[in-house]
Amino acid sequence: MAEYDYDVLVIGAGPGGYVAAIRAAQLGLKTACADGRETLGGTCLNVGCIPSKAMLHASEYFDAAANGAMAAMGIKVTPELDLETMHAQRRDAVKGLTGGIEFLFKKNKIDWIKGYASFEDAHTVSVADKKVTAKNIVIATGSSVTPLPGITVDNDKGVIVDSTGALELKAVPKNMIVIGGGVIGLELGSVWRRLGAQVTVVEFLDQLLPGMDGDVRKEAGKIFKKQGMTLKLSTKVTGVSVDGGKATVTVEPSAGGDAETLEADVVLVSIGRRPNSEGLGLDKIGLSVNQRGQIETDHDFATKVDGVWAIGDVIPGPMLAHKAEDEGIAVAENIAGMTGIVNHDLIPGVVYTAPEFAGVGLTEEAAKERGAIKVGKFPMLGNSRAKTNHEPDGFVKIIADAETDRVLGVWCIASVAGTMIAQATQAMEFGATSEDIAYTCHAHPTHSEAIKEAAMAVTGKPIHV
């Protein structure tokens, strides 16, 4: 009789967990994955990355028809919004992708244990009213919405909602207030603005998109204002009340000052996410969390408890699906005795608004703290493909070490910035200099030529500026 039921048990079937399970099974390890959702894929595929992109894409089509962009290109249409059909295509995308993961589990002979797991000891968990043992247990429980103290989210009522509720609104609100000017708030706020809502973003800091390069953050404010969003920066929310299906939001300057009230049909609370580390019974195995509720690991994703590993949003680092996926592959390979590595200095981030915002590596501000730098910028207004597509907003910015010319950071605002940033990430992964990028032949006409042009600006040899 085997000492354990499984070689590897993964707790959580989000992007990190399901990838870890698949890779472990590919490496010949008997694998199971415990997850209590009705479908696999975690937050990302069920109520996060995937459904939000479906709504972003659909709303962009509607907006192009409604705001005259299509008419300007000789396509005259009068759009009519069918919100239920828009929701249906979103749900269909989710169904297809989550079902695809279930197929991959079956293909790789991974047991899906339906339920939420809690540790009994370092090699045993309780899940679905039974005990399951494994030689190695990977915690991949992800994250959930950070609550705003004193404000109760009720997605069913559809007035004060979180990101999950904002995906399921049954009607376009006349007025929406978004609390938080980060990625989630701007993405979902932009969906409903395009569909007809008047959107006000309330952000505690003095600029949008915390963590991004300063030039990107400044430009973001200009772009969203031009699109019709009202931005209340350096502003904090002190209370939200609901009466008769309407919300009243009380705000005041972050530094203190006179309060004012704002009214809305829907309030979206999007102030960030927190790791799902509670309810795992970590105390039973002598494992604690840091001040942010995260589980600390070493470079190999091993915790201080032998045989227990952790990846994704539940450990330190950016809460991004692709970071979790890479860690899922790496941890499975480490468990199998191979060498799994993730370069956490090069995790790209993308905001899927229109235009998109993307970056990888250091911001200009962070790079300056390390030493002398060179910076090159190229406006998308000068890019031929952006010109033909009527997409003038944005730029590409490259930051390089002044002495070695090695690229330290790349930041993009463009319609396809999320795709463009992959080239920059790969170049930086292999130690590219700005000259390397400048002398790499790019197809014409493409948006990615803007990366080449920005690199040429760093080298002092700009052509189209």
Protein backbone atom coordinates (compact mmCIF):
# COMPACT_ATOMS: atom_id res chain seq x y z
CA MET A 1 0.00 0.00 0.00
CA ALA A 2 1.34 3.44 -0.96
CA GLU A 3 2.39 5.70 1.88
CA TYR A 4 0.34 8.57 0.44
CA ASP A 5 -2.76 8.85 -1.75
CA TYR A 6 -0.96 11.22 -4.10
CA ASP A 7 2.50 12.47 -4.93
CA VAL A 8 1.10 15.99 -5.31
CA LEU A 9 -2.09 17.59 -4.07
CA VAL A 10 -2.78 21.12 -5.26
CA ILE A 11 -5.18 23.26 -3.22
CA GLY A 12 -6.91 25.60 -5.64
CA ALA A 13 -7.62 25.33 -9.37
CA GLY A 14 -6.91 28.88 -10.51
CA PRO A 15 -4.22 29.73 -13.08
CA GLY A 16 -1.45 28.75 -10.69
CA GLY A 17 -3.11 25.66 -9.28
CA TYR A 18 -4.40 24.02 -12.43
CA VAL A 19 -1.12 24.66 -14.26
CA ALA A 20 0.84 23.18 -11.33
CA ALA A 21 -1.40 20.10 -11.38
CA ILE A 22 -1.07 19.60 -15.13
CA ARG A 23 2.71 20.01 -15.10
CA ALA A 24 3.09 17.65 -12.13
CA ALA A 25 1.01 15.01 -13.91
CA GLN A 26 3.05 15.47 -17.09
CA LEU A 27 6.15 14.72 -15.03
CA GLY A 28 4.71 11.39 -13.96
CA LEU A 29 3.51 12.38 -10.49
CA LYS A 30 0.17 11.07 -9.25
CA THR A 31 -1.76 14.32 -8.86
CA ALA A 32 -4.99 15.67 -7.44
CA CYS A 33 -6.43 19.15 -7.21
CA ALA A 34 -8.93 20.28 -4.58
CA ASP A 35 -11.27 23.14 -5.47
CA GLY A 36 -14.77 23.92 -4.31
CA ARG A 37 -16.07 25.92 -7.27
CA GLU A 38 -18.57 24.42 -9.66
CA THR A 39 -16.05 24.92 -12.47
CA LEU A 40 -12.26 24.96 -12.63
CA GLY A 41 -10.16 28.04 -13.37
CA GLY A 42 -10.42 30.03 -10.15
CA THR A 43 -11.24 33.71 -10.02
CA CYS A 44 -9.43 34.46 -13.30
CA LEU A 45 -11.48 32.27 -15.60
CA ASN A 46 -14.77 32.40 -13.71
CA VAL A 47 -15.22 35.99 -12.52
CA GLY A 48 -11.99 37.85 -13.31
CA CYS A 49 -9.58 38.08 -16.24
CA ILE A 50 -11.61 36.19 -18.81
CA PRO A 51 -15.18 37.47 -18.36
CA SER A 52 -13.98 41.05 -17.94
CA LYS A 53 -12.10 40.86 -21.25
CA ALA A 54 -15.22 39.52 -22.96
CA MET A 55 -17.15 42.56 -21.73
CA LEU A 56 -14.34 44.96 -22.60
CA HIS A 57 -14.18 43.63 -26.16
CA ALA A 58 -17.93 43.70 -26.71
CA SER A 59 -18.32 47.18 -25.23
CA GLU A 60 -15.58 48.49 -27.52
CA TYR A 61 -17.60 47.35 -30.54
CA PHE A 62 -20.69 49.10 -29.20
CA ASP A 63 -18.77 52.28 -28.44
CA ALA A 64 -17.17 52.39 -31.90
CA ALA A 65 -20.62 52.26 -33.43
CA ALA A 66 -22.20 54.69 -30.97
CA ASN A 67 -19.52 57.37 -30.79
CA GLY A 68 -19.12 57.88 -34.53
CA ALA A 69 -15.79 56.09 -34.92
CA MET A 70 -17.25 53.60 -37.41
CA ALA A 71 -19.14 56.31 -39.28
CA ALA A 72 -15.88 58.24 -39.72
CA MET A 73 -14.54 55.23 -41.60
CA GLY A 74 -17.58 55.02 -43.86
CA ILE A 75 -19.54 52.44 -41.87
CA LYS A 76 -22.90 53.93 -40.91
CA VAL A 77 -24.77 51.99 -38.25
CA THR A 78 -27.16 52.77 -35.43
CA PRO A 79 -26.33 50.41 -32.55
CA GLU A 80 -28.88 48.92 -30.20
CA LEU A 81 -27.61 47.43 -26.96
CA ASP A 82 -28.78 43.91 -26.14
CA LEU A 83 -27.15 43.57 -22.72
CA GLU A 84 -28.39 40.04 -22.07
CA THR A 85 -26.82 38.80 -25.29
CA MET A 86 -23.60 40.57 -24.33
CA HIS A 87 -23.66 38.78 -20.99
CA ALA A 88 -24.43 35.49 -22.77
CA GLN A 89 -21.34 35.68 -24.98
CA ARG A 90 -19.29 36.39 -21.85
CA ARG A 91 -20.71 33.35 -20.10
CA ASP A 92 -20.11 31.23 -23.20
CA ALA A 93 -16.42 32.21 -23.25
CA VAL A 94 -16.11 31.28 -19.58
CA LYS A 95 -17.90 27.97 -20.10
CA GLY A 96 -15.62 27.01 -22.97
CA LEU A 97 -12.40 27.80 -21.14
CA THR A 98 -13.32 26.28 -17.79
CA GLY A 99 -14.57 23.19 -19.59
CA GLY A 100 -11.26 23.06 -21.41
CA ILE A 101 -9.39 22.81 -18.12
CA GLU A 102 -11.65 19.99 -16.99
CA PHE A 103 -10.79 18.20 -20.25
CA LEU A 104 -7.07 18.72 -19.58
CA PHE A 105 -7.49 17.27 -16.07
CA LYS A 106 -9.06 14.15 -17.53
CA LYS A 107 -6.45 13.93 -20.28
CA ASN A 108 -3.63 14.10 -17.72
CA LYS A 109 -5.40 11.78 -15.23
CA ILE A 110 -5.66 14.43 -12.52
CA ASP A 111 -8.28 13.80 -9.83
CA TRP A 112 -10.49 16.82 -9.17
CA ILE A 113 -11.58 16.64 -5.54
CA LYS A 114 -14.57 18.98 -5.30
CA GLY A 115 -14.38 20.85 -2.02
CA TYR A 116 -12.30 23.28 0.03
CA ALA A 117 -9.26 21.75 1.69
CA SER A 118 -7.93 22.37 5.19
CA PHE A 119 -4.74 20.94 6.69
CA GLU A 120 -4.83 18.24 9.33
CA ASP A 121 -1.05 17.80 9.21
CA ALA A 122 1.72 18.55 6.71
CA HIS A 123 0.70 15.65 4.47
CA THR A 124 -3.05 15.40 5.16
CA VAL A 125 -6.01 17.62 4.32
CA SER A 126 -9.70 17.37 5.00
CA VAL A 127 -11.79 17.96 1.91
CA ALA A 128 -15.28 16.91 0.90
CA ASP A 129 -15.84 15.07 4.22
CA LYS A 130 -12.80 12.88 3.80
CA LYS A 131 -9.10 12.93 4.50
CA VAL A 132 -6.61 12.95 1.61
CA THR A 133 -2.86 12.48 1.95
CA ALA A 134 -0.04 13.62 -0.32
CA LYS A 135 3.74 13.64 -0.19
CA ASN A 136 3.69 17.23 -1.47
CA ILE A 137 0.93 19.79 -1.03
CA VAL A 138 0.86 23.00 -3.07
CA ILE A 139 -1.17 25.92 -1.72
CA ALA A 140 -2.58 27.86 -4.69
CA THR A 141 -5.67 29.40 -3.15
CA GLY A 142 -5.42 32.76 -4.90
CA SER A 143 -6.98 35.97 -3.64
CA SER A 144 -10.31 37.67 -3.10
CA VAL A 145 -11.66 41.21 -3.13
CA THR A 146 -10.35 43.51 -0.40
CA PRO A 147 -13.33 44.92 1.53
CA LEU A 148 -13.66 48.59 2.35
CA PRO A 149 -14.23 48.94 6.12
CA GLY A 150 -17.77 49.99 6.96
CA ILE A 151 -19.14 49.27 3.48
CA THR A 152 -21.14 46.12 2.78
CA VAL A 153 -21.02 44.69 -0.72
CA ASP A 154 -24.23 42.98 -1.85
CA ASN A 155 -23.87 41.80 -5.43
CA ASP A 156 -27.40 40.37 -5.49
CA LYS A 157 -28.95 43.79 -4.95
CA GLY A 158 -26.66 45.33 -7.57
CA VAL A 159 -26.11 48.70 -5.87
CA ILE A 160 -22.86 48.26 -3.92
CA VAL A 161 -20.91 45.65 -5.86
CA ASP A 162 -17.42 44.24 -6.21
CA SER A 163 -15.79 43.12 -9.44
CA THR A 164 -17.94 39.97 -9.57
CA GLY A 165 -21.15 41.94 -9.22
CA ALA A 166 -20.02 44.53 -11.76
CA LEU A 167 -19.88 41.78 -14.39
CA GLU A 168 -23.50 40.80 -13.79
CA LEU A 169 -25.36 44.13 -13.78
CA LYS A 170 -28.79 43.64 -15.33
CA ALA A 171 -28.99 47.16 -16.74
CA VAL A 172 -26.61 49.97 -17.60
CA PRO A 173 -26.52 52.33 -14.63
CA LYS A 174 -27.11 56.01 -15.28
CA ASN A 175 -24.37 56.88 -12.80
CA MET A 176 -21.59 54.64 -11.48
CA ILE A 177 -19.00 55.48 -8.84
CA VAL A 178 -15.82 53.43 -8.89
CA ILE A 179 -13.90 53.37 -5.61
CA GLY A 180 -10.29 52.77 -6.59
CA GLY A 181 -8.33 53.92 -9.63
CA GLY A 182 -6.39 50.72 -10.19
CA VAL A 183 -6.59 48.08 -12.89
CA ILE A 184 -9.91 46.45 -11.97
CA GLY A 185 -11.78 49.68 -11.35
CA LEU A 186 -10.66 51.26 -14.60
CA GLU A 187 -11.32 48.17 -16.70
CA LEU A 188 -14.85 47.58 -15.41
CA GLY A 189 -15.60 51.27 -15.13
CA SER A 190 -14.64 51.70 -18.78
CA VAL A 191 -16.98 48.85 -19.80
CA TRP A 192 -20.00 50.58 -18.33
CA ARG A 193 -18.92 54.04 -19.51
CA ARG A 194 -18.82 52.76 -23.08
CA LEU A 195 -22.29 51.27 -22.65
CA GLY A 196 -23.70 54.60 -21.49
CA ALA A 197 -23.01 55.13 -17.78
CA GLN A 198 -21.63 58.35 -16.34
CA VAL A 199 -18.59 57.08 -14.43
CA THR A 200 -16.80 58.79 -11.55
CA VAL A 201 -13.56 57.29 -10.26
CA VAL A 202 -12.58 58.07 -6.67
CA GLU A 203 -8.89 57.43 -5.98
CA PHE A 204 -7.09 58.03 -2.67
CA LEU A 205 -3.76 58.80 -4.37
CA ASP A 206 -3.03 61.78 -6.60
CA GLN A 207 -2.81 59.67 -9.78
CA LEU A 208 -4.38 56.55 -11.28
CA LEU A 209 -2.71 53.13 -11.69
CA PRO A 210 -0.47 52.81 -8.62
CA GLY A 211 2.81 51.03 -9.35
CA MET A 212 3.07 52.05 -13.00
CA ASP A 213 5.59 54.48 -14.47
CA GLY A 214 4.96 58.14 -13.65
CA ASP A 215 4.55 59.21 -17.29
CA VAL A 216 2.05 56.41 -17.85
CA ARG A 217 0.05 57.44 -14.80
CA LYS A 218 -0.09 61.08 -15.90
CA GLU A 219 -1.17 60.13 -19.40
CA ALA A 220 -3.82 57.77 -18.03
CA GLY A 221 -5.52 60.65 -16.26
CA LYS A 222 -5.63 62.67 -19.48
CA ILE A 223 -6.94 59.76 -21.54
CA PHE A 224 -9.75 58.75 -19.19
CA LYS A 225 -10.85 62.36 -18.75
CA LYS A 226 -10.97 62.75 -22.53
CA GLN A 227 -13.12 59.63 -22.71
CA GLY A 228 -15.64 61.18 -20.36
CA MET A 229 -14.78 59.76 -16.95
CA THR A 230 -14.86 62.08 -13.95
CA LEU A 231 -11.74 61.64 -11.81
CA LYS A 232 -11.69 62.59 -8.17
CA LEU A 233 -8.05 62.07 -7.21
CA SER A 234 -6.49 62.60 -3.76
CA THR A 235 -9.94 61.74 -2.42
CA LYS A 236 -11.05 59.20 0.16
CA VAL A 237 -14.42 57.58 0.72
CA THR A 238 -15.72 57.94 4.27
CA GLY A 239 -19.09 56.28 3.89
CA VAL A 240 -21.66 54.74 1.56
CA SER A 241 -25.38 54.48 2.25
CA VAL A 242 -28.20 52.98 0.19
CA ASP A 243 -31.78 54.21 0.07
CA GLY A 244 -34.42 53.21 -2.44
CA GLY A 245 -32.00 51.51 -4.77
CA LYS A 246 -29.68 54.54 -4.91
CA ALA A 247 -26.31 54.98 -3.23
CA THR A 248 -24.92 58.06 -1.57
CA VAL A 249 -21.14 58.17 -1.27
CA THR A 250 -19.47 60.56 1.16
CA VAL A 251 -15.97 61.68 0.21
CA GLU A 252 -13.37 64.15 1.41
CA PRO A 253 -9.81 65.11 0.43
CA SER A 254 -7.26 62.44 1.38
CA ALA A 255 -5.28 65.02 3.32
CA GLY A 256 -8.40 66.15 5.16
CA GLY A 257 -10.96 68.82 4.37
CA ASP A 258 -14.62 69.44 3.68
CA ALA A 259 -16.79 66.45 2.88
CA GLU A 260 -19.14 66.17 -0.08
CA THR A 261 -21.68 63.62 -1.23
CA LEU A 262 -22.01 61.87 -4.58
CA GLU A 263 -25.01 59.88 -5.78
CA ALA A 264 -25.01 56.84 -8.01
CA ASP A 265 -27.09 53.88 -9.14
CA VAL A 266 -24.12 51.55 -8.70
CA VAL A 267 -20.98 51.76 -6.56
CA LEU A 268 -18.10 49.49 -7.53
CA VAL A 269 -15.67 48.78 -4.68
CA SER A 270 -12.31 47.94 -6.26
CA ILE A 271 -9.52 48.81 -3.86
CA GLY A 272 -7.45 45.69 -4.44
CA ARG A 273 -7.28 42.03 -3.51
CA ARG A 274 -6.09 40.04 -0.49
CA PRO A 275 -4.61 36.54 -0.28
CA ASN A 276 -6.88 33.61 0.54
CA SER A 277 -4.85 32.26 3.43
CA GLU A 278 -7.61 31.94 6.01
CA GLY A 279 -9.45 28.68 6.60
CA LEU A 280 -6.54 26.51 5.50
CA GLY A 281 -5.65 25.32 8.98
CA LEU A 282 -2.11 26.63 8.63
CA ASP A 283 -1.74 26.72 12.41
CA LYS A 284 -2.04 22.92 12.49
CA ILE A 285 1.17 22.57 10.51
CA GLY A 286 3.06 25.40 12.21
CA LEU A 287 2.80 27.79 9.28
CA SER A 288 2.02 31.47 9.78
CA VAL A 289 1.42 34.37 7.39
CA ASN A 290 3.09 37.76 7.15
CA GLN A 291 1.40 41.10 7.90
CA ARG A 292 -0.29 41.06 4.50
CA GLY A 293 -1.72 37.60 5.04
CA GLN A 294 0.73 36.05 2.58
CA ILE A 295 2.59 32.78 2.93
CA GLU A 296 6.35 33.25 2.68
CA THR A 297 8.35 30.83 0.53
CA ASP A 298 11.93 30.39 -0.59
CA HIS A 299 13.15 30.78 -4.17
CA ASP A 300 11.84 27.29 -5.00
CA PHE A 301 8.33 28.09 -3.62
CA ALA A 302 8.84 25.82 -0.62
CA THR A 303 7.43 26.99 2.72
CA LYS A 304 9.27 26.39 5.97
CA VAL A 305 7.22 23.19 6.41
CA ASP A 306 8.77 20.27 4.56
CA GLY A 307 6.53 19.04 1.72
CA VAL A 308 4.31 22.15 1.70
CA TRP A 309 4.68 24.63 -1.14
CA ALA A 310 2.85 27.82 -2.15
CA ILE A 311 2.40 29.86 -5.33
CA GLY A 312 0.36 32.66 -6.90
CA ASP A 313 -1.61 35.39 -5.17
CA VAL A 314 -1.24 33.76 -1.76
CA ILE A 315 2.53 34.49 -1.71
CA PRO A 316 4.34 37.84 -2.06
CA GLY A 317 4.54 39.48 -5.47
CA PRO A 318 2.12 40.93 -8.01
CA MET A 319 -1.31 39.30 -8.03
CA LEU A 320 -1.31 38.35 -11.70
CA ALA A 321 -2.54 35.18 -13.40
CA HIS A 322 0.53 34.80 -15.60
CA LYS A 323 2.84 35.10 -12.61
CA ALA A 324 0.87 32.31 -10.92
CA GLU A 325 1.01 30.16 -14.06
CA ASP A 326 4.79 30.43 -14.32
CA GLU A 327 5.10 29.62 -10.63
CA GLY A 328 2.81 26.62 -11.13
CA ILE A 329 5.16 25.18 -13.73
CA ALA A 330 8.22 25.98 -11.62
CA VAL A 331 6.90 24.44 -8.40
CA ALA A 332 5.90 21.22 -10.16
CA GLU A 333 9.34 20.94 -11.69
CA ASN A 334 11.00 21.62 -8.34
CA ILE A 335 8.89 18.92 -6.70
CA ALA A 336 9.96 16.53 -9.46
CA GLY A 337 13.63 17.23 -8.75
CA MET A 338 14.14 19.55 -11.70
CA THR A 339 14.99 23.27 -11.61
CA GLY A 340 11.98 25.52 -11.91
CA ILE A 341 12.70 29.25 -12.02
CA VAL A 342 10.60 32.41 -12.33
CA ASN A 343 12.24 35.78 -12.93
CA HIS A 344 10.14 37.98 -10.70
CA ASP A 345 11.92 41.10 -11.94
CA LEU A 346 10.27 40.65 -15.33
CA ILE A 347 6.57 40.09 -14.72
CA PRO A 348 4.67 42.27 -17.23
CA GLY A 349 1.51 44.03 -16.17
CA VAL A 350 -1.36 45.07 -18.44
CA VAL A 351 -4.48 47.21 -18.07
CA TYR A 352 -6.98 46.12 -20.74
CA THR A 353 -8.76 49.40 -21.26
CA ALA A 354 -8.84 51.21 -24.61
CA PRO A 355 -6.04 52.04 -25.13
CA GLU A 356 -4.20 49.40 -23.16
CA PHE A 357 -1.48 50.23 -20.62
CA ALA A 358 1.42 47.84 -20.14
CA GLY A 359 4.83 47.75 -18.53
CA VAL A 360 7.68 45.49 -17.50
CA GLY A 361 10.77 46.03 -15.39
CA LEU A 362 11.59 49.25 -13.58
CA THR A 363 9.72 52.54 -13.68
CA GLU A 364 11.81 55.61 -14.45
CA GLU A 365 11.48 56.63 -10.82
CA ALA A 366 12.80 53.30 -9.52
CA ALA A 367 15.55 53.14 -12.14
CA LYS A 368 16.87 56.57 -11.15
CA GLU A 369 17.27 55.38 -7.59
CA ARG A 370 19.72 52.75 -8.84
CA GLY A 371 21.91 55.02 -10.94
CA ALA A 372 22.24 57.00 -14.16
CA ILE A 373 19.79 56.11 -16.93
CA LYS A 374 18.88 56.98 -20.52
CA VAL A 375 15.24 57.34 -21.60
CA GLY A 376 13.69 57.22 -25.05
CA LYS A 377 10.05 57.85 -25.96
CA PHE A 378 8.05 57.54 -29.13
CA PRO A 379 4.43 58.73 -29.52
CA MET A 380 1.87 56.40 -31.07
CA LEU A 381 0.72 59.44 -33.03
CA GLY A 382 3.84 58.92 -35.15
CA ASN A 383 3.24 55.21 -35.70
CA SER A 384 1.85 54.41 -39.15
CA ARG A 385 -0.38 51.52 -38.04
CA ALA A 386 -1.83 53.53 -35.17
CA LYS A 387 -2.47 56.35 -37.65
CA THR A 388 -4.38 54.15 -40.11
CA ASN A 389 -6.36 52.60 -37.24
CA HIS A 390 -7.26 56.03 -35.79
CA GLU A 391 -5.49 55.18 -32.50
CA PRO A 392 -3.35 58.23 -31.72
CA ASP A 393 -3.26 57.96 -27.92
CA GLY A 394 -0.19 56.71 -26.11
CA PHE A 395 3.53 56.19 -26.42
CA VAL A 396 6.34 53.71 -25.87
CA LYS A 397 8.99 54.53 -23.27
CA ILE A 398 12.25 52.64 -22.84
CA ILE A 399 14.55 53.08 -19.84
CA ALA A 400 18.14 51.88 -20.15
CA ASP A 401 21.25 51.90 -18.00
CA ALA A 402 23.36 54.91 -18.99
CA GLU A 403 26.63 52.99 -18.94
CA THR A 404 25.75 49.50 -20.24
CA ASP A 405 22.70 50.44 -22.36
CA ARG A 406 20.92 47.38 -20.92
CA VAL A 407 17.15 47.86 -20.95
CA LEU A 408 15.75 48.27 -17.43
CA GLY A 409 12.09 48.96 -18.15
CA VAL A 410 9.60 49.36 -20.98
CA TRP A 411 6.23 51.09 -20.72
CA CYS A 412 3.55 51.26 -23.41
CA ILE A 413 0.21 52.92 -23.99
CA ALA A 414 -1.33 51.64 -27.21
CA SER A 415 -4.36 49.75 -28.48
CA VAL A 416 -2.34 46.51 -28.35
CA ALA A 417 0.11 47.36 -25.57
CA GLY A 418 -0.58 44.02 -23.85
CA THR A 419 0.71 42.18 -26.91
CA MET A 420 3.60 44.57 -27.54
CA ILE A 421 4.99 44.17 -24.03
CA ALA A 422 5.83 40.50 -24.70
CA GLN A 423 8.61 41.52 -27.08
CA ALA A 424 10.10 43.83 -24.48
CA THR A 425 9.88 41.19 -21.77
CA GLN A 426 11.63 38.59 -23.91
CA ALA A 427 14.34 41.04 -24.93
CA MET A 428 14.99 41.99 -21.30
CA GLU A 429 14.98 38.34 -20.22
CA PHE A 430 18.03 37.83 -22.41
CA GLY A 431 19.79 41.03 -21.37
CA ALA A 432 19.02 43.13 -24.43
CA THR A 433 20.35 46.66 -24.83
CA SER A 434 18.36 49.46 -26.42
CA GLU A 435 20.69 49.15 -29.42
CA ASP A 436 19.76 45.45 -29.74
CA ILE A 437 16.10 46.43 -30.06
CA ALA A 438 16.84 49.40 -32.32
CA TYR A 439 18.69 47.20 -34.80
CA THR A 440 16.11 44.41 -34.80
CA CYS A 441 14.05 44.49 -38.00
CA HIS A 442 10.36 45.05 -37.28
CA ALA A 443 7.58 44.35 -39.79
CA HIS A 444 5.94 47.43 -41.28
CA PRO A 445 3.39 48.74 -40.61
CA THR A 446 2.93 47.44 -37.06
CA HIS A 447 2.31 48.95 -33.67
CA SER A 448 5.49 47.23 -32.45
CA GLU A 449 7.60 49.52 -34.61
CA ALA A 450 7.02 52.06 -31.83
CA ILE A 451 9.22 49.90 -29.58
CA LYS A 452 12.00 50.05 -32.18
CA GLU A 453 11.58 53.82 -32.51
CA ALA A 454 11.72 54.33 -28.74
CA ALA A 455 14.90 52.24 -28.62
CA MET A 456 16.39 54.36 -31.39
CA ALA A 457 15.55 57.43 -29.34
CA VAL A 458 17.51 55.95 -26.40
CA THR A 459 20.53 55.44 -28.65
CA GLY A 460 20.30 59.01 -29.91
CA LYS A 461 19.34 57.97 -33.46
CA PRO A 462 15.61 58.71 -33.76
CA ILE A 463 14.14 58.58 -37.27
CA HIS A 464 10.45 59.51 -37.10
CA VAL A 465 10.56 62.15 -34.35
